[in-house]
Amino acid sequence: MYARFMMSGTIIRGLIGYEAQDALYRIFEMFDVETSAEDIYDDDYEVERAELVKLRSHIVEQDEEYRESEKEFLEQLKKAGIGREKFITVLDKLINDSDQRNSEVHISWF
């Protein structure tokens, strides 16, 4: 199972499998990133690009919100099999390589 975002159909390398899908959903919850996912098992959902930018900022700047969730965040990344820098790269791809004409990024697990 890979993650990809729609329009470009780009596969997000590094986010593979159910563990990664679960981890991404939990990270979104941890940082109050709103998505259209109905639950953790939703394979297709949208997230506002601005929400991804805000999440990236928390992680890169290691602000107070990040520090409050750092232990759980790193545990989720470990479960997904990626590190902090790789996750930032994934966010960059979601933010920059998806259809810029749309404020929402469509994430699809397949």
Protein backbone atom coordinates (compact mmCIF):
# COMPACT_ATOMS: atom_id res chain seq x y z
CA MET A 1 0.00 0.00 0.00
CA TYR A 2 1.46 3.33 -1.12
CA ALA A 3 0.27 6.87 -0.57
CA ARG A 4 -0.19 9.09 -3.59
CA PHE A 5 -1.85 12.39 -4.23
CA MET A 6 -4.25 12.92 -7.04
CA MET A 7 -3.91 14.98 -10.22
CA SER A 8 -0.22 14.25 -10.68
CA GLY A 9 -0.60 10.66 -9.48
CA THR A 10 2.77 10.97 -7.76
CA ILE A 11 3.58 8.13 -5.41
CA ILE A 12 4.94 9.29 -2.10
CA ARG A 13 8.01 7.14 -1.54
CA GLY A 14 8.59 6.33 2.09
CA LEU A 15 4.95 6.08 3.08
CA ILE A 16 4.19 2.45 2.44
CA GLY A 17 1.76 0.10 4.13
CA TYR A 18 -1.00 0.16 6.68
CA GLU A 19 1.40 1.24 9.42
CA ALA A 20 2.25 4.40 7.47
CA GLN A 21 -1.41 5.09 6.74
CA ASP A 22 -2.23 4.70 10.43
CA ALA A 23 0.74 6.85 11.48
CA LEU A 24 -0.12 9.69 9.08
CA TYR A 25 -3.73 9.74 10.30
CA ARG A 26 -2.58 9.84 13.94
CA ILE A 27 -0.05 12.60 13.22
CA PHE A 28 -2.79 14.63 11.58
CA GLU A 29 -4.94 14.13 14.68
CA MET A 30 -2.03 14.96 17.00
CA PHE A 31 -1.51 18.35 15.37
CA ASP A 32 -5.22 19.07 14.75
CA VAL A 33 -4.88 18.82 10.96
CA GLU A 34 -8.42 18.63 9.60
CA THR A 35 -9.06 16.09 6.86
CA SER A 36 -12.14 14.71 5.15
CA ALA A 37 -11.29 11.18 6.37
CA GLU A 38 -14.16 9.59 8.22
CA ASP A 39 -11.84 7.33 10.19
CA ILE A 40 -8.35 5.90 10.31
CA TYR A 41 -9.21 3.30 7.65
CA ASP A 42 -10.35 5.79 4.99
CA ASP A 43 -8.24 5.19 1.85
CA ASP A 44 -9.16 8.44 0.09
CA TYR A 45 -9.43 11.85 1.68
CA GLU A 46 -8.57 15.50 1.28
CA VAL A 47 -6.57 17.87 3.43
CA GLU A 48 -6.19 21.60 2.96
CA ARG A 49 -2.76 22.57 1.69
CA ALA A 50 -2.65 25.32 4.35
CA GLU A 51 -3.06 22.65 7.05
CA LEU A 52 -0.04 20.78 5.66
CA VAL A 53 2.00 23.98 5.60
CA LYS A 54 1.09 24.63 9.23
CA LEU A 55 2.03 21.06 10.21
CA ARG A 56 5.37 21.37 8.41
CA SER A 57 6.06 24.61 10.24
CA HIS A 58 5.41 23.01 13.66
CA ILE A 59 7.82 20.18 12.85
CA VAL A 60 10.58 22.25 11.26
CA GLU A 61 10.51 25.00 13.88
CA GLN A 62 10.03 22.52 16.73
CA ASP A 63 7.67 24.99 18.36
CA GLU A 64 5.75 24.49 21.59
CA GLU A 65 3.01 22.44 19.93
CA TYR A 66 5.65 20.16 18.43
CA ARG A 67 7.52 19.78 21.71
CA GLU A 68 4.29 18.82 23.50
CA SER A 69 3.73 15.98 21.01
CA GLU A 70 7.32 15.13 20.09
CA LYS A 71 7.50 11.75 21.83
CA GLU A 72 4.25 10.49 20.30
CA PHE A 73 5.15 12.02 16.92
CA LEU A 74 8.50 10.22 16.82
CA GLU A 75 6.81 6.96 17.87
CA GLN A 76 4.40 7.29 14.94
CA LEU A 77 7.27 7.94 12.54
CA LYS A 78 9.08 4.88 13.86
CA LYS A 79 5.93 2.83 13.31
CA ALA A 80 5.78 4.15 9.73
CA GLY A 81 9.44 3.29 9.21
CA ILE A 82 10.63 6.82 8.41
CA GLY A 83 12.53 9.57 10.17
CA ARG A 84 11.71 13.19 10.85
CA GLU A 85 13.61 14.54 7.82
CA LYS A 86 11.94 12.02 5.47
CA PHE A 87 8.54 13.03 6.84
CA ILE A 88 9.33 16.68 6.13
CA THR A 89 10.23 15.63 2.57
CA VAL A 90 6.87 13.86 2.29
CA LEU A 91 5.08 17.02 3.45
CA ASP A 92 7.07 19.07 0.92
CA LYS A 93 5.92 16.74 -1.87
CA LEU A 94 2.30 16.96 -0.74
CA ILE A 95 2.47 20.75 -0.50
CA ASN A 96 4.50 21.51 -3.64
CA ASP A 97 3.95 18.69 -6.11
CA SER A 98 0.16 18.43 -5.94
CA ASP A 99 -2.21 20.47 -8.12
CA GLN A 100 -1.56 24.08 -7.07
CA ARG A 101 -4.90 25.20 -8.58
CA ASN A 102 -6.69 23.32 -5.81
CA SER A 103 -6.44 24.31 -2.15
CA GLU A 104 -7.04 20.70 -1.14
CA VAL A 105 -4.61 17.83 -1.54
CA HIS A 106 -6.25 14.48 -2.28
CA ILE A 107 -4.45 11.60 -0.57
CA SER A 108 -5.17 8.11 -1.81
CA TRP A 109 -3.78 4.87 -0.35
CA PHE A 110 -3.59 1.95 -2.75
